Amino acid sequence: MEQEKEYLDNETTPAPAEQDSPQCSCRKKERSDKEYKNLQNRLSRIEGQVRGVKKMLENDAYCPDILIQVSAINAALNSFNRLLLANHIRTCVADDIRDGKPDTIDEFVTMLQKLMR
């Protein structure tokens, strides 16, 4: 319980990636061509959906029709996040744990807290 309180108290402190740390500013993830193309395709579809909603608004579409499309965009973004998160856990997090990096779990918990807001 005390550990949970500590994580909740840390919600207002910047995550490691937000701090002014030289190690964080250069963190990158090399993705396979397959992963990169999959993520890019998903984002392109989402981008098209957003353009479609903008066009609906310009054409004075009925509010519920727009809301349904926005809901579809949210679902697509959630799907993108799930895929990216799964890839992150399988690669970056697993590698950092194997390498014995001590801040890995705290960084991961902080990221999950931000995703669940």
PDB file of N, CA and C in Angstrom:
ATOM      1  N   MET A   1       0.829  -1.191   0.000  1.00  0.00           N
ATOM      2  CA  MET A   1       0.000   0.000   0.000  1.00  0.00           C
ATOM      3  C   MET A   1       0.876   1.259   0.000  1.00  0.00           C
ATOM      4  N   GLU A   2       1.952   1.217   0.784  1.00  0.00           N
ATOM      5  CA  GLU A   2       2.867   2.358   0.848  1.00  0.00           C
ATOM      6  C   GLU A   2       3.519   2.596  -0.518  1.00  0.00           C
ATOM      7  N   GLN A   3       3.863   1.487  -1.200  1.00  0.00           N
ATOM      8  CA  GLN A   3       4.474   1.610  -2.518  1.00  0.00           C
ATOM      9  C   GLN A   3       3.497   2.248  -3.508  1.00  0.00           C
ATOM     10  N   GLU A   4       2.215   1.867  -3.451  1.00  0.00           N
ATOM     11  CA  GLU A   4       1.202   2.451  -4.324  1.00  0.00           C
ATOM     12  C   GLU A   4       1.074   3.943  -4.068  1.00  0.00           C
ATOM     13  N   LYS A   5       1.084   4.349  -2.779  1.00  0.00           N
ATOM     14  CA  LYS A   5       0.995   5.763  -2.428  1.00  0.00           C
ATOM     15  C   LYS A   5       2.182   6.522  -3.012  1.00  0.00           C
ATOM     16  N   GLU A   6       3.368   5.906  -2.936  1.00  0.00           N
ATOM     17  CA  GLU A   6       4.558   6.562  -3.463  1.00  0.00           C
ATOM     18  C   GLU A   6       4.419   6.809  -4.966  1.00  0.00           C
ATOM     19  N   TYR A   7       3.913   5.822  -5.718  1.00  0.00           N
ATOM     20  CA  TYR A   7       3.712   6.010  -7.152  1.00  0.00           C
ATOM     21  C   TYR A   7       2.703   7.113  -7.424  1.00  0.00           C
ATOM     22  N   LEU A   8       1.631   7.157  -6.636  1.00  0.00           N
ATOM     23  CA  LEU A   8       0.624   8.192  -6.827  1.00  0.00           C
ATOM     24  C   LEU A   8       1.186   9.565  -6.499  1.00  0.00           C
ATOM     25  N   ASP A   9       2.024   9.641  -5.458  1.00  0.00           N
ATOM     26  CA  ASP A   9       2.640  10.913  -5.099  1.00  0.00           C
ATOM     27  C   ASP A   9       3.578  11.403  -6.200  1.00  0.00           C
ATOM     28  N   ASN A  10       4.175  10.475  -6.915  1.00  0.00           N
ATOM     29  CA  ASN A  10       5.132  10.838  -7.956  1.00  0.00           C
ATOM     30  C   ASN A  10       4.469  11.263  -9.256  1.00  0.00           C
ATOM     31  N   GLU A  11       3.143  11.235  -9.316  1.00  0.00           N
ATOM     32  CA  GLU A  11       2.454  11.603 -10.553  1.00  0.00           C
ATOM     33  C   GLU A  11       2.744  13.039 -10.968  1.00  0.00           C
ATOM     34  N   THR A  12       3.010  13.909 -10.024  1.00  0.00           N
ATOM     35  CA  THR A  12       3.245  15.306 -10.364  1.00  0.00           C
ATOM     36  C   THR A  12       4.704  15.569 -10.715  1.00  0.00           C
ATOM     37  N   THR A  13       5.597  14.627 -10.409  1.00  0.00           N
ATOM     38  CA  THR A  13       6.994  14.826 -10.762  1.00  0.00           C
ATOM     39  C   THR A  13       7.207  14.384 -12.195  1.00  0.00           C
ATOM     40  N   PRO A  14       8.123  15.029 -12.899  1.00  0.00           N
ATOM     41  CA  PRO A  14       8.331  14.679 -14.293  1.00  0.00           C
ATOM     42  C   PRO A  14       8.844  13.250 -14.435  1.00  0.00           C
ATOM     43  N   ALA A  15       8.430  12.600 -15.498  1.00  0.00           N
ATOM     44  CA  ALA A  15       8.926  11.268 -15.811  1.00  0.00           C
ATOM     45  C   ALA A  15      10.376  11.393 -16.253  1.00  0.00           C
ATOM     46  N   PRO A  16      11.138  10.293 -16.197  1.00  0.00           N
ATOM     47  CA  PRO A  16      12.541  10.374 -16.607  1.00  0.00           C
ATOM     48  C   PRO A  16      12.727  10.984 -17.991  1.00  0.00           C
ATOM     49  N   ALA A  17      11.840  10.707 -18.925  1.00  0.00           N
ATOM     50  CA  ALA A  17      11.986  11.256 -20.276  1.00  0.00           C
ATOM     51  C   ALA A  17      11.746  12.757 -20.319  1.00  0.00           C
ATOM     52  N   GLU A  18      11.074  13.311 -19.290  1.00  0.00           N
ATOM     53  CA  GLU A  18      10.779  14.741 -19.278  1.00  0.00           C
ATOM     54  C   GLU A  18      11.855  15.551 -18.559  1.00  0.00           C
ATOM     55  N   GLN A  19      12.708  14.880 -17.803  1.00  0.00           N
ATOM     56  CA  GLN A  19      13.730  15.585 -17.048  1.00  0.00           C
ATOM     57  C   GLN A  19      14.857  16.005 -17.984  1.00  0.00           C
ATOM     58  N   ASP A  20      15.622  16.985 -17.550  1.00  0.00           N
ATOM     59  CA  ASP A  20      16.747  17.446 -18.348  1.00  0.00           C
ATOM     60  C   ASP A  20      17.920  16.504 -18.138  1.00  0.00           C
ATOM     61  N   SER A  21      17.900  15.403 -18.829  1.00  0.00           N
ATOM     62  CA  SER A  21      18.936  14.399 -18.698  1.00  0.00           C
ATOM     63  C   SER A  21      19.486  14.077 -20.077  1.00  0.00           C
ATOM     64  N   PRO A  22      20.803  14.117 -20.239  1.00  0.00           N
ATOM     65  CA  PRO A  22      21.358  13.841 -21.555  1.00  0.00           C
ATOM     66  C   PRO A  22      21.028  12.433 -22.040  1.00  0.00           C
ATOM     67  N   GLN A  23      20.900  11.466 -21.126  1.00  0.00           N
ATOM     68  CA  GLN A  23      20.608  10.104 -21.559  1.00  0.00           C
ATOM     69  C   GLN A  23      19.211   9.992 -22.149  1.00  0.00           C
ATOM     70  N   CYS A  24      18.278  10.790 -21.674  1.00  0.00           N
ATOM     71  CA  CYS A  24      16.900  10.688 -22.146  1.00  0.00           C
ATOM     72  C   CYS A  24      16.692  11.400 -23.471  1.00  0.00           C
ATOM     73  N   SER A  25      17.442  12.447 -23.715  1.00  0.00           N
ATOM     74  CA  SER A  25      17.209  13.225 -24.925  1.00  0.00           C
ATOM     75  C   SER A  25      17.618  12.469 -26.183  1.00  0.00           C
ATOM     76  N   CYS A  26      18.431  11.440 -26.042  1.00  0.00           N
ATOM     77  CA  CYS A  26      18.896  10.734 -27.233  1.00  0.00           C
ATOM     78  C   CYS A  26      18.316   9.324 -27.327  1.00  0.00           C
ATOM     79  N   ARG A  27      17.320   9.011 -26.511  1.00  0.00           N
ATOM     80  CA  ARG A  27      16.733   7.671 -26.556  1.00  0.00           C
ATOM     81  C   ARG A  27      15.929   7.512 -27.835  1.00  0.00           C
ATOM     82  N   LYS A  28      16.204   6.440 -28.527  1.00  0.00           N
ATOM     83  CA  LYS A  28      15.508   6.143 -29.775  1.00  0.00           C
ATOM     84  C   LYS A  28      15.177   4.663 -29.803  1.00  0.00           C
ATOM     85  N   LYS A  29      14.283   4.303 -30.700  1.00  0.00           N
ATOM     86  CA  LYS A  29      13.890   2.910 -30.873  1.00  0.00           C
ATOM     87  C   LYS A  29      14.014   2.566 -32.340  1.00  0.00           C
ATOM     88  N   GLU A  30      14.904   1.652 -32.669  1.00  0.00           N
ATOM     89  CA  GLU A  30      15.007   1.179 -34.041  1.00  0.00           C
ATOM     90  C   GLU A  30      13.935   0.123 -34.250  1.00  0.00           C
ATOM     91  N   ARG A  31      13.101   0.331 -35.249  1.00  0.00           N
ATOM     92  CA  ARG A  31      12.003  -0.584 -35.530  1.00  0.00           C
ATOM     93  C   ARG A  31      12.290  -1.370 -36.802  1.00  0.00           C
ATOM     94  N   SER A  32      11.773  -2.581 -36.831  1.00  0.00           N
ATOM     95  CA  SER A  32      11.881  -3.369 -38.061  1.00  0.00           C
ATOM     96  C   SER A  32      11.031  -2.695 -39.137  1.00  0.00           C
ATOM     97  N   ASP A  33      11.311  -3.021 -40.382  1.00  0.00           N
ATOM     98  CA  ASP A  33      10.509  -2.459 -41.477  1.00  0.00           C
ATOM     99  C   ASP A  33       9.041  -2.828 -41.316  1.00  0.00           C
ATOM    100  N   LYS A  34       8.785  -4.067 -40.900  1.00  0.00           N
ATOM    101  CA  LYS A  34       7.406  -4.532 -40.731  1.00  0.00           C
ATOM    102  C   LYS A  34       6.685  -3.718 -39.656  1.00  0.00           C
ATOM    103  N   GLU A  35       7.340  -3.530 -38.501  1.00  0.00           N
ATOM    104  CA  GLU A  35       6.722  -2.762 -37.415  1.00  0.00           C
ATOM    105  C   GLU A  35       6.499  -1.312 -37.840  1.00  0.00           C
ATOM    106  N   TYR A  36       7.505  -0.718 -38.474  1.00  0.00           N
ATOM    107  CA  TYR A  36       7.409   0.673 -38.920  1.00  0.00           C
ATOM    108  C   TYR A  36       6.248   0.853 -39.895  1.00  0.00           C
ATOM    109  N   LYS A  37       6.160  -0.031 -40.890  1.00  0.00           N
ATOM    110  CA  LYS A  37       5.096   0.080 -41.890  1.00  0.00           C
ATOM    111  C   LYS A  37       3.725  -0.118 -41.255  1.00  0.00           C
ATOM    112  N   ASN A  38       3.620  -1.061 -40.329  1.00  0.00           N
ATOM    113  CA  ASN A  38       2.350  -1.310 -39.649  1.00  0.00           C
ATOM    114  C   ASN A  38       1.898  -0.069 -38.883  1.00  0.00           C
ATOM    115  N   LEU A  39       2.807   0.530 -38.121  1.00  0.00           N
ATOM    116  CA  LEU A  39       2.464   1.726 -37.347  1.00  0.00           C
ATOM    117  C   LEU A  39       2.130   2.899 -38.278  1.00  0.00           C
ATOM    118  N   GLN A  40       2.921   3.079 -39.328  1.00  0.00           N
ATOM    119  CA  GLN A  40       2.668   4.160 -40.284  1.00  0.00           C
ATOM    120  C   GLN A  40       1.314   3.989 -40.970  1.00  0.00           C
ATOM    121  N   ASN A  41       0.989   2.757 -41.356  1.00  0.00           N
ATOM    122  CA  ASN A  41      -0.305   2.508 -42.004  1.00  0.00           C
ATOM    123  C   ASN A  41      -1.461   2.834 -41.071  1.00  0.00           C
ATOM    124  N   ARG A  42      -1.335   2.445 -39.812  1.00  0.00           N
ATOM    125  CA  ARG A  42      -2.389   2.749 -38.842  1.00  0.00           C
ATOM    126  C   ARG A  42      -2.560   4.259 -38.685  1.00  0.00           C
ATOM    127  N   LEU A  43      -1.436   4.972 -38.578  1.00  0.00           N
ATOM    128  CA  LEU A  43      -1.517   6.427 -38.428  1.00  0.00           C
ATOM    129  C   LEU A  43      -2.090   7.088 -39.678  1.00  0.00           C
ATOM    130  N   SER A  44      -1.761   6.564 -40.836  1.00  0.00           N
ATOM    131  CA  SER A  44      -2.318   7.119 -42.079  1.00  0.00           C
ATOM    132  C   SER A  44      -3.830   6.935 -42.127  1.00  0.00           C
ATOM    133  N   ARG A  45      -4.304   5.765 -41.692  1.00  0.00           N
ATOM    134  CA  ARG A  45      -5.754   5.542 -41.654  1.00  0.00           C
ATOM    135  C   ARG A  45      -6.417   6.492 -40.666  1.00  0.00           C
ATOM    136  N   ILE A  46      -5.796   6.673 -39.510  1.00  0.00           N
ATOM    137  CA  ILE A  46      -6.343   7.591 -38.502  1.00  0.00           C
ATOM    138  C   ILE A  46      -6.370   9.011 -39.054  1.00  0.00           C
ATOM    139  N   GLU A  47      -5.298   9.393 -39.714  1.00  0.00           N
ATOM    140  CA  GLU A  47      -5.226  10.728 -40.326  1.00  0.00           C
ATOM    141  C   GLU A  47      -6.363  10.914 -41.330  1.00  0.00           C
ATOM    142  N   GLY A  48      -6.629   9.887 -42.126  1.00  0.00           N
ATOM    143  CA  GLY A  48      -7.732   9.947 -43.079  1.00  0.00           C
ATOM    144  C   GLY A  48      -9.081  10.069 -42.385  1.00  0.00           C
ATOM    145  N   GLN A  49      -9.237   9.360 -41.266  1.00  0.00           N
ATOM    146  CA  GLN A  49     -10.482   9.458 -40.504  1.00  0.00           C
ATOM    147  C   GLN A  49     -10.674  10.872 -39.963  1.00  0.00           C
ATOM    148  N   VAL A  50      -9.602  11.474 -39.480  1.00  0.00           N
ATOM    149  CA  VAL A  50      -9.690  12.835 -38.944  1.00  0.00           C
ATOM    150  C   VAL A  50     -10.051  13.812 -40.064  1.00  0.00           C
ATOM    151  N   ARG A  51      -9.435  13.649 -41.231  1.00  0.00           N
ATOM    152  CA  ARG A  51      -9.794  14.504 -42.371  1.00  0.00           C
ATOM    153  C   ARG A  51     -11.263  14.321 -42.739  1.00  0.00           C
ATOM    154  N   GLY A  52     -11.745  13.083 -42.637  1.00  0.00           N
ATOM    155  CA  GLY A  52     -13.152  12.817 -42.927  1.00  0.00           C
ATOM    156  C   GLY A  52     -14.079  13.531 -41.962  1.00  0.00           C
ATOM    157  N   VAL A  53     -13.720  13.545 -40.686  1.00  0.00           N
ATOM    158  CA  VAL A  53     -14.536  14.244 -39.682  1.00  0.00           C
ATOM    159  C   VAL A  53     -14.510  15.744 -39.946  1.00  0.00           C
ATOM    160  N   LYS A  54     -13.351  16.255 -40.315  1.00  0.00           N
ATOM    161  CA  LYS A  54     -13.252  17.684 -40.634  1.00  0.00           C
ATOM    162  C   LYS A  54     -14.170  18.023 -41.806  1.00  0.00           C
ATOM    163  N   LYS A  55     -14.189  17.159 -42.804  1.00  0.00           N
ATOM    164  CA  LYS A  55     -15.057  17.362 -43.969  1.00  0.00           C
ATOM    165  C   LYS A  55     -16.527  17.284 -43.555  1.00  0.00           C
ATOM    166  N   MET A  56     -16.853  16.351 -42.656  1.00  0.00           N
ATOM    167  CA  MET A  56     -18.230  16.243 -42.163  1.00  0.00           C
ATOM    168  C   MET A  56     -18.653  17.546 -41.494  1.00  0.00           C
ATOM    169  N   LEU A  57     -17.758  18.110 -40.703  1.00  0.00           N
ATOM    170  CA  LEU A  57     -18.048  19.361 -40.010  1.00  0.00           C
ATOM    171  C   LEU A  57     -18.267  20.488 -41.016  1.00  0.00           C
ATOM    172  N   GLU A  58     -17.400  20.548 -42.025  1.00  0.00           N
ATOM    173  CA  GLU A  58     -17.536  21.575 -43.067  1.00  0.00           C
ATOM    174  C   GLU A  58     -18.859  21.436 -43.819  1.00  0.00           C
ATOM    175  N   ASN A  59     -19.342  20.199 -43.938  1.00  0.00           N
ATOM    176  CA  ASN A  59     -20.590  19.933 -44.672  1.00  0.00           C
ATOM    177  C   ASN A  59     -21.816  19.896 -43.763  1.00  0.00           C
ATOM    178  N   ASP A  60     -21.651  20.413 -42.547  1.00  0.00           N
ATOM    179  CA  ASP A  60     -22.758  20.490 -41.586  1.00  0.00           C
ATOM    180  C   ASP A  60     -23.420  19.135 -41.326  1.00  0.00           C
ATOM    181  N   ALA A  61     -22.608  18.106 -41.164  1.00  0.00           N
ATOM    182  CA  ALA A  61     -23.140  16.766 -40.889  1.00  0.00           C
ATOM    183  C   ALA A  61     -23.847  16.748 -39.534  1.00  0.00           C
ATOM    184  N   TYR A  62     -24.742  15.813 -39.383  1.00  0.00           N
ATOM    185  CA  TYR A  62     -25.523  15.633 -38.164  1.00  0.00           C
ATOM    186  C   TYR A  62     -24.585  15.227 -37.022  1.00  0.00           C
ATOM    187  N   CYS A  63     -24.751  15.860 -35.862  1.00  0.00           N
ATOM    188  CA  CYS A  63     -23.847  15.660 -34.716  1.00  0.00           C
ATOM    189  C   CYS A  63     -23.613  14.187 -34.368  1.00  0.00           C
ATOM    190  N   PRO A  64     -24.667  13.372 -34.238  1.00  0.00           N
ATOM    191  CA  PRO A  64     -24.421  11.963 -33.900  1.00  0.00           C
ATOM    192  C   PRO A  64     -23.549  11.236 -34.930  1.00  0.00           C
ATOM    193  N   ASP A  65     -23.674  11.600 -36.196  1.00  0.00           N
ATOM    194  CA  ASP A  65     -22.832  10.980 -37.224  1.00  0.00           C
ATOM    195  C   ASP A  65     -21.360  11.332 -37.001  1.00  0.00           C
ATOM    196  N   ILE A  66     -21.104  12.573 -36.649  1.00  0.00           N
ATOM    197  CA  ILE A  66     -19.731  13.011 -36.365  1.00  0.00           C
ATOM    198  C   ILE A  66     -19.212  12.301 -35.120  1.00  0.00           C
ATOM    199  N   LEU A  67     -20.043  12.244 -34.088  1.00  0.00           N
ATOM    200  CA  LEU A  67     -19.631  11.598 -32.842  1.00  0.00           C
ATOM    201  C   LEU A  67     -19.274  10.127 -33.053  1.00  0.00           C
ATOM    202  N   ILE A  68     -20.018   9.444 -33.893  1.00  0.00           N
ATOM    203  CA  ILE A  68     -19.719   8.039 -34.180  1.00  0.00           C
ATOM    204  C   ILE A  68     -18.356   7.916 -34.863  1.00  0.00           C
ATOM    205  N   GLN A  69     -18.072   8.823 -35.778  1.00  0.00           N
ATOM    206  CA  GLN A  69     -16.772   8.796 -36.454  1.00  0.00           C
ATOM    207  C   GLN A  69     -15.630   9.129 -35.489  1.00  0.00           C
ATOM    208  N   VAL A  70     -15.863  10.073 -34.588  1.00  0.00           N
ATOM    209  CA  VAL A  70     -14.844  10.413 -33.588  1.00  0.00           C
ATOM    210  C   VAL A  70     -14.601   9.216 -32.668  1.00  0.00           C
ATOM    211  N   SER A  71     -15.659   8.504 -32.335  1.00  0.00           N
ATOM    212  CA  SER A  71     -15.520   7.299 -31.522  1.00  0.00           C
ATOM    213  C   SER A  71     -14.662   6.260 -32.244  1.00  0.00           C
ATOM    214  N   ALA A  72     -14.844   6.137 -33.546  1.00  0.00           N
ATOM    215  CA  ALA A  72     -14.029   5.209 -34.338  1.00  0.00           C
ATOM    216  C   ALA A  72     -12.560   5.636 -34.336  1.00  0.00           C
ATOM    217  N   ILE A  73     -12.320   6.938 -34.383  1.00  0.00           N
ATOM    218  CA  ILE A  73     -10.947   7.456 -34.327  1.00  0.00           C
ATOM    219  C   ILE A  73     -10.320   7.124 -32.978  1.00  0.00           C
ATOM    220  N   ASN A  74     -11.078   7.335 -31.904  1.00  0.00           N
ATOM    221  CA  ASN A  74     -10.567   6.997 -30.573  1.00  0.00           C
ATOM    222  C   ASN A  74     -10.224   5.516 -30.477  1.00  0.00           C
ATOM    223  N   ALA A  75     -11.072   4.662 -31.025  1.00  0.00           N
ATOM    224  CA  ALA A  75     -10.807   3.219 -31.006  1.00  0.00           C
ATOM    225  C   ALA A  75      -9.537   2.896 -31.794  1.00  0.00           C
ATOM    226  N   ALA A  76      -9.354   3.555 -32.928  1.00  0.00           N
ATOM    227  CA  ALA A  76      -8.158   3.326 -33.743  1.00  0.00           C
ATOM    228  C   ALA A  76      -6.902   3.791 -33.010  1.00  0.00           C
ATOM    229  N   LEU A  77      -6.983   4.924 -32.325  1.00  0.00           N
ATOM    230  CA  LEU A  77      -5.839   5.409 -31.535  1.00  0.00           C
ATOM    231  C   LEU A  77      -5.530   4.457 -30.386  1.00  0.00           C
ATOM    232  N   ASN A  78      -6.568   3.954 -29.729  1.00  0.00           N
ATOM    233  CA  ASN A  78      -6.353   2.986 -28.649  1.00  0.00           C
ATOM    234  C   ASN A  78      -5.691   1.721 -29.177  1.00  0.00           C
ATOM    235  N   SER A  79      -6.105   1.277 -30.343  1.00  0.00           N
ATOM    236  CA  SER A  79      -5.502   0.101 -30.965  1.00  0.00           C
ATOM    237  C   SER A  79      -4.030   0.360 -31.295  1.00  0.00           C
ATOM    238  N   PHE A  80      -3.739   1.543 -31.816  1.00  0.00           N
ATOM    239  CA  PHE A  80      -2.357   1.938 -32.097  1.00  0.00           C
ATOM    240  C   PHE A  80      -1.530   1.911 -30.809  1.00  0.00           C
ATOM    241  N   ASN A  81      -2.077   2.495 -29.735  1.00  0.00           N
ATOM    242  CA  ASN A  81      -1.371   2.514 -28.455  1.00  0.00           C
ATOM    243  C   ASN A  81      -1.113   1.107 -27.933  1.00  0.00           C
ATOM    244  N   ARG A  82      -2.106   0.219 -28.043  1.00  0.00           N
ATOM    245  CA  ARG A  82      -1.923  -1.158 -27.564  1.00  0.00           C
ATOM    246  C   ARG A  82      -0.801  -1.855 -28.323  1.00  0.00           C
ATOM    247  N   LEU A  83      -0.770  -1.672 -29.632  1.00  0.00           N
ATOM    248  CA  LEU A  83       0.275  -2.287 -30.448  1.00  0.00           C
ATOM    249  C   LEU A  83       1.649  -1.730 -30.083  1.00  0.00           C
ATOM    250  N   LEU A  84       1.742  -0.416 -29.980  1.00  0.00           N
ATOM    251  CA  LEU A  84       3.014   0.218 -29.641  1.00  0.00           C
ATOM    252  C   LEU A  84       3.473  -0.189 -28.244  1.00  0.00           C
ATOM    253  N   LEU A  85       2.542  -0.249 -27.302  1.00  0.00           N
ATOM    254  CA  LEU A  85       2.868  -0.656 -25.933  1.00  0.00           C
ATOM    255  C   LEU A  85       3.362  -2.096 -25.898  1.00  0.00           C
ATOM    256  N   ALA A  86       2.692  -2.993 -26.604  1.00  0.00           N
ATOM    257  CA  ALA A  86       3.114  -4.397 -26.640  1.00  0.00           C
ATOM    258  C   ALA A  86       4.522  -4.523 -27.216  1.00  0.00           C
ATOM    259  N   ASN A  87       4.788  -3.802 -28.297  1.00  0.00           N
ATOM    260  CA  ASN A  87       6.132  -3.825 -28.889  1.00  0.00           C
ATOM    261  C   ASN A  87       7.163  -3.261 -27.919  1.00  0.00           C
ATOM    262  N   HIS A  88       6.803  -2.213 -27.209  1.00  0.00           N
ATOM    263  CA  HIS A  88       7.716  -1.598 -26.239  1.00  0.00           C
ATOM    264  C   HIS A  88       8.059  -2.584 -25.123  1.00  0.00           C
ATOM    265  N   ILE A  89       7.048  -3.273 -24.606  1.00  0.00           N
ATOM    266  CA  ILE A  89       7.286  -4.236 -23.528  1.00  0.00           C
ATOM    267  C   ILE A  89       8.178  -5.373 -24.017  1.00  0.00           C
ATOM    268  N   ARG A  90       7.883  -5.895 -25.205  1.00  0.00           N
ATOM    269  CA  ARG A  90       8.639  -7.037 -25.735  1.00  0.00           C
ATOM    270  C   ARG A  90      10.082  -6.694 -26.075  1.00  0.00           C
ATOM    271  N   THR A  91      10.345  -5.434 -26.378  1.00  0.00           N
ATOM    272  CA  THR A  91      11.698  -5.066 -26.792  1.00  0.00           C
ATOM    273  C   THR A  91      12.391  -4.222 -25.727  1.00  0.00           C
ATOM    274  N   CYS A  92      12.059  -2.964 -25.647  1.00  0.00           N
ATOM    275  CA  CYS A  92      12.767  -2.023 -24.771  1.00  0.00           C
ATOM    276  C   CYS A  92      12.734  -2.441 -23.301  1.00  0.00           C
ATOM    277  N   VAL A  93      11.541  -2.710 -22.787  1.00  0.00           N
ATOM    278  CA  VAL A  93      11.417  -3.037 -21.362  1.00  0.00           C
ATOM    279  C   VAL A  93      12.130  -4.351 -21.065  1.00  0.00           C
ATOM    280  N   ALA A  94      11.890  -5.377 -21.891  1.00  0.00           N
ATOM    281  CA  ALA A  94      12.530  -6.675 -21.670  1.00  0.00           C
ATOM    282  C   ALA A  94      14.051  -6.557 -21.737  1.00  0.00           C
ATOM    283  N   ASP A  95      14.560  -5.817 -22.723  1.00  0.00           N
ATOM    284  CA  ASP A  95      16.010  -5.637 -22.849  1.00  0.00           C
ATOM    285  C   ASP A  95      16.587  -4.903 -21.647  1.00  0.00           C
ATOM    286  N   ASP A  96      15.919  -3.837 -21.210  1.00  0.00           N
ATOM    287  CA  ASP A  96      16.412  -3.070 -20.065  1.00  0.00           C
ATOM    288  C   ASP A  96      16.417  -3.907 -18.790  1.00  0.00           C
ATOM    289  N   ILE A  97      15.404  -4.739 -18.607  1.00  0.00           N
ATOM    290  CA  ILE A  97      15.368  -5.606 -17.421  1.00  0.00           C
ATOM    291  C   ILE A  97      16.502  -6.623 -17.498  1.00  0.00           C
ATOM    292  N   ARG A  98      16.700  -7.230 -18.672  1.00  0.00           N
ATOM    293  CA  ARG A  98      17.808  -8.185 -18.846  1.00  0.00           C
ATOM    294  C   ARG A  98      19.152  -7.521 -18.582  1.00  0.00           C
ATOM    295  N   ASP A  99      19.272  -6.245 -18.981  1.00  0.00           N
ATOM    296  CA  ASP A  99      20.526  -5.513 -18.779  1.00  0.00           C
ATOM    297  C   ASP A  99      20.678  -4.997 -17.354  1.00  0.00           C
ATOM    298  N   GLY A 100      19.669  -5.220 -16.515  1.00  0.00           N
ATOM    299  CA  GLY A 100      19.742  -4.814 -15.116  1.00  0.00           C
ATOM    300  C   GLY A 100      19.619  -3.322 -14.885  1.00  0.00           C
ATOM    301  N   LYS A 101      18.954  -2.615 -15.778  1.00  0.00           N
ATOM    302  CA  LYS A 101      18.784  -1.169 -15.600  1.00  0.00           C
ATOM    303  C   LYS A 101      17.754  -0.932 -14.498  1.00  0.00           C
ATOM    304  N   PRO A 102      18.140  -0.231 -13.443  1.00  0.00           N
ATOM    305  CA  PRO A 102      17.296  -0.121 -12.247  1.00  0.00           C
ATOM    306  C   PRO A 102      16.033   0.730 -12.400  1.00  0.00           C
ATOM    307  N   ASP A 103      16.009   1.680 -13.295  1.00  0.00           N
ATOM    308  CA  ASP A 103      14.864   2.592 -13.399  1.00  0.00           C
ATOM    309  C   ASP A 103      13.784   2.107 -14.362  1.00  0.00           C
ATOM    310  N   THR A 104      13.985   0.948 -14.949  1.00  0.00           N
ATOM    311  CA  THR A 104      13.070   0.453 -15.982  1.00  0.00           C
ATOM    312  C   THR A 104      11.636   0.336 -15.491  1.00  0.00           C
ATOM    313  N   ILE A 105      11.434  -0.307 -14.359  1.00  0.00           N
ATOM    314  CA  ILE A 105      10.079  -0.539 -13.850  1.00  0.00           C
ATOM    315  C   ILE A 105       9.421   0.782 -13.474  1.00  0.00           C
ATOM    316  N   ASP A 106      10.148   1.662 -12.800  1.00  0.00           N
ATOM    317  CA  ASP A 106       9.571   2.960 -12.416  1.00  0.00           C
ATOM    318  C   ASP A 106       9.166   3.768 -13.650  1.00  0.00           C
ATOM    319  N   GLU A 107      10.008   3.760 -14.672  1.00  0.00           N
ATOM    320  CA  GLU A 107       9.693   4.473 -15.912  1.00  0.00           C
ATOM    321  C   GLU A 107       8.444   3.877 -16.562  1.00  0.00           C
ATOM    322  N   PHE A 108       8.356   2.549 -16.552  1.00  0.00           N
ATOM    323  CA  PHE A 108       7.213   1.866 -17.153  1.00  0.00           C
ATOM    324  C   PHE A 108       5.923   2.180 -16.396  1.00  0.00           C
ATOM    325  N   VAL A 109       5.985   2.156 -15.065  1.00  0.00           N
ATOM    326  CA  VAL A 109       4.803   2.468 -14.246  1.00  0.00           C
ATOM    327  C   VAL A 109       4.357   3.905 -14.496  1.00  0.00           C
ATOM    328  N   THR A 110       5.288   4.830 -14.555  1.00  0.00           N
ATOM    329  CA  THR A 110       4.960   6.237 -14.816  1.00  0.00           C
ATOM    330  C   THR A 110       4.284   6.388 -16.177  1.00  0.00           C
ATOM    331  N   MET A 111       4.809   5.676 -17.171  1.00  0.00           N
ATOM    332  CA  MET A 111       4.207   5.741 -18.503  1.00  0.00           C
ATOM    333  C   MET A 111       2.783   5.193 -18.478  1.00  0.00           C
ATOM    334  N   LEU A 112       2.572   4.065 -17.801  1.00  0.00           N
ATOM    335  CA  LEU A 112       1.223   3.492 -17.709  1.00  0.00           C
ATOM    336  C   LEU A 112       0.258   4.447 -17.015  1.00  0.00           C
ATOM    337  N   GLN A 113       0.728   5.116 -15.966  1.00  0.00           N
ATOM    338  CA  GLN A 113      -0.134   6.074 -15.262  1.00  0.00           C
ATOM    339  C   GLN A 113      -0.562   7.196 -16.199  1.00  0.00           C
ATOM    340  N   LYS A 114       0.336   7.650 -17.050  1.00  0.00           N
ATOM    341  CA  LYS A 114      -0.009   8.716 -17.997  1.00  0.00           C
ATOM    342  C   LYS A 114      -0.992   8.210 -19.053  1.00  0.00           C
ATOM    343  N   LEU A 115      -0.815   6.969 -19.488  1.00  0.00           N
ATOM    344  CA  LEU A 115      -1.720   6.411 -20.491  1.00  0.00           C
ATOM    345  C   LEU A 115      -3.122   6.196 -19.947  1.00  0.00           C
ATOM    346  N   MET A 116      -3.234   5.999 -18.644  1.00  0.00           N
ATOM    347  CA  MET A 116      -4.527   5.667 -18.048  1.00  0.00           C
ATOM    348  C   MET A 116      -5.277   6.886 -17.536  1.00  0.00           C
ATOM    349  N   ARG A 117      -4.800   8.067 -17.797  1.00  0.00           N
ATOM    350  CA  ARG A 117      -5.492   9.286 -17.351  1.00  0.00           C
ATOM    351  C   ARG A 117      -6.767   9.480 -18.098  1.00  0.00           C
TER     352      ARG A 117
END
